[in-house]
């Protein structure tokens, strides 16, 4: 399904206890391979987040992805989602040996 040089990078963050995702999952995750996926409750939320991040580079577009979330995603999970992206970016840079 994936090429031998494909890697999986997962970012995670704790949402606020008031958010429904905290009740169901306890944590918020984003996974990056070729496509983006996140564990939101509503498919409309997941699809919206995917539409904002699809085609962006985890290596070079972190600032653009964060800005898009700040300007377009107004939910309690805004900060955890940004934290997930930062964590995924840092892990990606670490495993690929980049700074």
N, C-alpha and C. Protein backbone atom coordinates (compact mmCIF):
# COMPACT_ATOMS: atom_id res chain seq x y z
N UNK A 1 0.82 -1.19 0.00
CA UNK A 1 0.00 0.00 0.00
C UNK A 1 0.87 1.26 0.00
N UNK A 2 1.95 1.26 0.78
CA UNK A 2 2.84 2.41 0.83
C UNK A 2 4.22 2.03 0.31
N UNK A 3 4.94 2.98 -0.22
CA UNK A 3 6.30 2.76 -0.69
C UNK A 3 7.21 2.48 0.50
N UNK A 4 8.36 1.86 0.25
CA UNK A 4 9.30 1.52 1.32
C UNK A 4 9.87 2.74 2.03
N UNK A 5 9.90 3.88 1.35
CA UNK A 5 10.46 5.08 1.98
C UNK A 5 9.38 5.97 2.62
N UNK A 6 8.15 5.45 2.71
CA UNK A 6 7.05 6.20 3.33
C UNK A 6 7.17 6.11 4.85
N UNK A 7 6.91 7.21 5.52
CA UNK A 7 6.91 7.19 6.98
C UNK A 7 5.58 7.70 7.50
N UNK A 8 5.27 7.31 8.72
CA UNK A 8 4.07 7.78 9.41
C UNK A 8 4.51 8.67 10.55
N UNK A 9 3.95 9.86 10.63
CA UNK A 9 4.24 10.80 11.70
C UNK A 9 2.93 11.14 12.38
N UNK A 10 2.89 11.02 13.71
CA UNK A 10 1.67 11.30 14.46
C UNK A 10 1.96 12.43 15.45
N UNK A 11 1.10 13.44 15.44
CA UNK A 11 1.17 14.51 16.43
C UNK A 11 0.04 14.33 17.42
N UNK A 12 0.27 14.71 18.67
CA UNK A 12 -0.78 14.57 19.65
C UNK A 12 -0.81 15.75 20.60
N UNK A 13 -1.99 15.98 21.17
CA UNK A 13 -2.18 17.06 22.15
C UNK A 13 -3.41 16.72 22.98
N UNK A 14 -3.48 17.30 24.17
CA UNK A 14 -4.64 17.11 25.03
C UNK A 14 -5.61 18.26 24.81
N UNK A 15 -6.85 17.94 24.41
CA UNK A 15 -7.86 19.00 24.29
C UNK A 15 -8.36 19.40 25.68
N UNK A 16 -9.06 20.49 25.74
CA UNK A 16 -9.64 20.91 27.02
C UNK A 16 -10.71 19.92 27.42
N UNK A 17 -10.92 19.77 28.72
CA UNK A 17 -11.90 18.80 29.24
C UNK A 17 -13.32 19.13 28.81
N UNK A 18 -13.58 20.39 28.44
CA UNK A 18 -14.91 20.79 28.03
C UNK A 18 -15.25 20.30 26.62
N UNK A 19 -14.26 19.91 25.87
CA UNK A 19 -14.48 19.50 24.49
C UNK A 19 -14.94 18.05 24.42
N UNK A 20 -15.87 17.78 23.53
CA UNK A 20 -16.42 16.42 23.39
C UNK A 20 -15.35 15.41 23.00
N UNK A 21 -14.36 15.84 22.27
CA UNK A 21 -13.31 14.89 21.86
C UNK A 21 -12.55 14.37 23.08
N UNK A 22 -12.45 15.19 24.12
CA UNK A 22 -11.78 14.75 25.36
C UNK A 22 -12.56 13.61 25.99
N UNK A 23 -13.89 13.71 26.00
CA UNK A 23 -14.73 12.67 26.59
C UNK A 23 -14.60 11.35 25.85
N UNK A 24 -14.50 11.42 24.55
CA UNK A 24 -14.42 10.20 23.74
C UNK A 24 -13.01 9.62 23.64
N UNK A 25 -12.02 10.48 23.46
CA UNK A 25 -10.68 10.00 23.16
C UNK A 25 -9.63 10.38 24.21
N UNK A 26 -9.85 11.46 24.93
CA UNK A 26 -8.86 11.90 25.90
C UNK A 26 -7.73 12.71 25.30
N UNK A 27 -7.41 12.44 24.04
CA UNK A 27 -6.35 13.16 23.35
C UNK A 27 -6.76 13.38 21.90
N UNK A 28 -6.10 14.33 21.28
CA UNK A 28 -6.33 14.64 19.88
C UNK A 28 -5.08 14.22 19.11
N UNK A 29 -5.27 13.53 18.01
CA UNK A 29 -4.15 13.06 17.20
C UNK A 29 -4.32 13.48 15.75
N UNK A 30 -3.20 13.73 15.10
CA UNK A 30 -3.19 13.88 13.66
C UNK A 30 -2.11 12.95 13.13
N UNK A 31 -2.40 12.28 12.04
CA UNK A 31 -1.45 11.36 11.42
C UNK A 31 -1.14 11.83 10.01
N UNK A 32 0.13 11.80 9.65
CA UNK A 32 0.55 12.20 8.32
C UNK A 32 1.27 11.04 7.64
N UNK A 33 0.79 10.66 6.49
CA UNK A 33 1.48 9.71 5.61
C UNK A 33 1.40 10.38 4.25
N UNK A 34 0.52 9.92 3.43
CA UNK A 34 0.27 10.57 2.16
C UNK A 34 -0.98 11.43 2.29
N UNK A 35 -1.87 11.00 3.14
CA UNK A 35 -3.11 11.72 3.38
C UNK A 35 -3.17 12.09 4.85
N UNK A 36 -4.06 13.02 5.17
CA UNK A 36 -4.23 13.51 6.53
C UNK A 36 -5.47 12.90 7.14
N UNK A 37 -5.40 12.56 8.41
CA UNK A 37 -6.55 12.03 9.15
C UNK A 37 -6.47 12.54 10.58
N UNK A 38 -7.59 12.81 11.17
CA UNK A 38 -7.60 13.20 12.57
C UNK A 38 -8.84 12.62 13.24
N UNK A 39 -8.78 12.47 14.56
CA UNK A 39 -9.88 11.81 15.28
C UNK A 39 -10.88 12.82 15.84
N UNK A 40 -11.66 13.39 14.97
CA UNK A 40 -12.71 14.28 15.42
C UNK A 40 -14.01 13.49 15.52
N UNK A 41 -14.99 14.07 16.17
CA UNK A 41 -16.26 13.40 16.38
C UNK A 41 -17.13 13.47 15.13
N UNK A 42 -17.22 14.62 14.53
CA UNK A 42 -18.09 14.80 13.37
C UNK A 42 -17.29 14.73 12.08
N UNK A 43 -17.83 14.04 11.11
CA UNK A 43 -17.13 13.94 9.83
C UNK A 43 -16.99 15.30 9.17
N UNK A 44 -17.94 16.20 9.38
CA UNK A 44 -17.85 17.53 8.79
C UNK A 44 -16.61 18.25 9.33
N UNK A 45 -16.30 18.06 10.62
CA UNK A 45 -15.11 18.67 11.21
C UNK A 45 -13.86 18.06 10.59
N UNK A 46 -13.82 16.74 10.56
CA UNK A 46 -12.67 16.05 9.99
C UNK A 46 -12.45 16.48 8.54
N UNK A 47 -13.51 16.52 7.76
CA UNK A 47 -13.39 16.90 6.35
C UNK A 47 -12.92 18.35 6.19
N UNK A 48 -13.40 19.23 7.07
CA UNK A 48 -12.99 20.62 7.01
C UNK A 48 -11.51 20.76 7.32
N UNK A 49 -11.05 20.08 8.36
CA UNK A 49 -9.63 20.12 8.73
C UNK A 49 -8.78 19.55 7.60
N UNK A 50 -9.20 18.43 7.05
CA UNK A 50 -8.48 17.82 5.94
C UNK A 50 -8.38 18.80 4.77
N UNK A 51 -9.48 19.48 4.46
CA UNK A 51 -9.47 20.42 3.33
C UNK A 51 -8.49 21.56 3.55
N UNK A 52 -8.28 21.97 4.79
CA UNK A 52 -7.34 23.05 5.09
C UNK A 52 -5.88 22.59 4.95
N UNK A 53 -5.63 21.31 5.25
CA UNK A 53 -4.25 20.83 5.32
C UNK A 53 -3.80 20.00 4.13
N UNK A 54 -4.73 19.52 3.35
CA UNK A 54 -4.41 18.66 2.21
C UNK A 54 -3.50 19.39 1.22
N UNK A 55 -2.45 18.72 0.83
CA UNK A 55 -1.52 19.29 -0.13
C UNK A 55 -0.43 20.14 0.50
N UNK A 56 -0.49 20.35 1.79
CA UNK A 56 0.53 21.14 2.50
C UNK A 56 1.69 20.22 2.89
N UNK A 57 2.85 20.79 3.02
CA UNK A 57 4.04 20.04 3.42
C UNK A 57 4.26 20.17 4.92
N UNK A 58 4.38 19.02 5.59
CA UNK A 58 4.66 19.03 7.02
C UNK A 58 6.04 19.62 7.29
N UNK A 59 6.91 19.52 6.32
CA UNK A 59 8.28 20.04 6.46
C UNK A 59 8.34 21.56 6.31
N UNK A 60 7.62 22.11 5.32
CA UNK A 60 7.82 23.53 4.99
C UNK A 60 6.61 24.43 5.23
N UNK A 61 5.43 23.86 5.42
CA UNK A 61 4.21 24.68 5.49
C UNK A 61 3.58 24.77 6.88
N UNK A 62 4.34 24.50 7.92
CA UNK A 62 3.78 24.53 9.28
C UNK A 62 3.15 25.88 9.61
N UNK A 63 3.85 26.97 9.32
CA UNK A 63 3.31 28.30 9.64
C UNK A 63 2.00 28.56 8.89
N UNK A 64 1.96 28.18 7.62
CA UNK A 64 0.76 28.38 6.80
C UNK A 64 -0.41 27.55 7.34
N UNK A 65 -0.13 26.30 7.76
CA UNK A 65 -1.19 25.45 8.30
C UNK A 65 -1.73 26.02 9.61
N UNK A 66 -0.82 26.50 10.48
CA UNK A 66 -1.25 27.10 11.75
C UNK A 66 -2.10 28.34 11.51
N UNK A 67 -1.66 29.18 10.59
CA UNK A 67 -2.41 30.40 10.28
C UNK A 67 -3.80 30.07 9.76
N UNK A 68 -3.89 29.08 8.90
CA UNK A 68 -5.18 28.66 8.36
C UNK A 68 -6.11 28.20 9.48
N UNK A 69 -5.58 27.44 10.39
CA UNK A 69 -6.39 26.96 11.52
C UNK A 69 -6.84 28.13 12.38
N UNK A 70 -5.95 29.06 12.68
CA UNK A 70 -6.31 30.23 13.50
C UNK A 70 -7.37 31.11 12.84
N UNK A 71 -7.32 31.20 11.52
CA UNK A 71 -8.22 32.09 10.80
C UNK A 71 -9.54 31.44 10.41
N UNK A 72 -9.59 30.09 10.36
CA UNK A 72 -10.78 29.44 9.81
C UNK A 72 -11.42 28.39 10.72
N UNK A 73 -10.72 27.95 11.75
CA UNK A 73 -11.21 26.85 12.58
C UNK A 73 -11.49 27.37 13.99
N UNK A 74 -12.75 27.62 14.29
CA UNK A 74 -13.12 28.22 15.57
C UNK A 74 -13.86 27.19 16.42
N UNK A 75 -13.07 26.35 17.08
CA UNK A 75 -13.61 25.31 17.96
C UNK A 75 -12.70 25.21 19.17
N UNK A 76 -13.18 24.55 20.21
CA UNK A 76 -12.37 24.38 21.41
C UNK A 76 -11.07 23.63 21.12
N UNK A 77 -11.04 22.86 20.06
CA UNK A 77 -9.85 22.08 19.73
C UNK A 77 -8.86 22.82 18.82
N UNK A 78 -9.04 24.13 18.67
CA UNK A 78 -8.12 24.88 17.82
C UNK A 78 -6.69 24.78 18.35
N UNK A 79 -6.49 25.05 19.62
CA UNK A 79 -5.13 25.00 20.19
C UNK A 79 -4.57 23.59 20.20
N UNK A 80 -5.34 22.57 20.61
CA UNK A 80 -4.80 21.20 20.53
C UNK A 80 -4.46 20.78 19.10
N UNK A 81 -5.24 21.20 18.14
CA UNK A 81 -4.95 20.86 16.75
C UNK A 81 -3.63 21.48 16.30
N UNK A 82 -3.41 22.72 16.67
CA UNK A 82 -2.14 23.38 16.35
C UNK A 82 -1.00 22.68 17.08
N UNK A 83 -1.22 22.30 18.33
CA UNK A 83 -0.20 21.57 19.09
C UNK A 83 0.12 20.23 18.42
N UNK A 84 -0.90 19.55 17.91
CA UNK A 84 -0.69 18.29 17.18
C UNK A 84 0.19 18.52 15.95
N UNK A 85 -0.10 19.57 15.22
CA UNK A 85 0.69 19.87 14.02
C UNK A 85 2.15 20.14 14.37
N UNK A 86 2.36 20.94 15.43
CA UNK A 86 3.73 21.24 15.85
C UNK A 86 4.45 19.97 16.27
N UNK A 87 3.76 19.11 17.02
CA UNK A 87 4.37 17.86 17.48
C UNK A 87 4.70 16.97 16.29
N UNK A 88 3.78 16.86 15.34
CA UNK A 88 4.03 16.05 14.15
C UNK A 88 5.20 16.62 13.34
N UNK A 89 5.25 17.94 13.21
CA UNK A 89 6.36 18.59 12.50
C UNK A 89 7.68 18.28 13.18
N UNK A 90 7.73 18.43 14.50
CA UNK A 90 8.96 18.17 15.24
C UNK A 90 9.40 16.71 15.11
N UNK A 91 8.46 15.79 15.19
CA UNK A 91 8.79 14.37 15.05
C UNK A 91 9.29 14.08 13.64
N UNK A 92 8.65 14.67 12.65
CA UNK A 92 9.07 14.48 11.27
C UNK A 92 10.50 14.98 11.08
N UNK A 93 10.78 16.16 11.57
CA UNK A 93 12.11 16.73 11.43
C UNK A 93 13.14 15.87 12.16
N UNK A 94 12.76 15.32 13.30
CA UNK A 94 13.66 14.47 14.07
C UNK A 94 13.97 13.17 13.33
N UNK A 95 12.94 12.49 12.83
CA UNK A 95 13.18 11.19 12.19
C UNK A 95 13.83 11.32 10.82
N UNK A 96 13.70 12.48 10.20
CA UNK A 96 14.34 12.68 8.90
C UNK A 96 15.70 13.36 9.03
N UNK A 97 16.08 13.68 10.28
CA UNK A 97 17.39 14.28 10.52
C UNK A 97 17.52 15.72 10.05
N UNK A 98 16.39 16.42 9.99
CA UNK A 98 16.41 17.81 9.53
C UNK A 98 16.19 18.71 10.72
N UNK A 99 16.58 19.98 10.57
CA UNK A 99 16.44 20.93 11.68
C UNK A 99 15.36 21.91 11.42
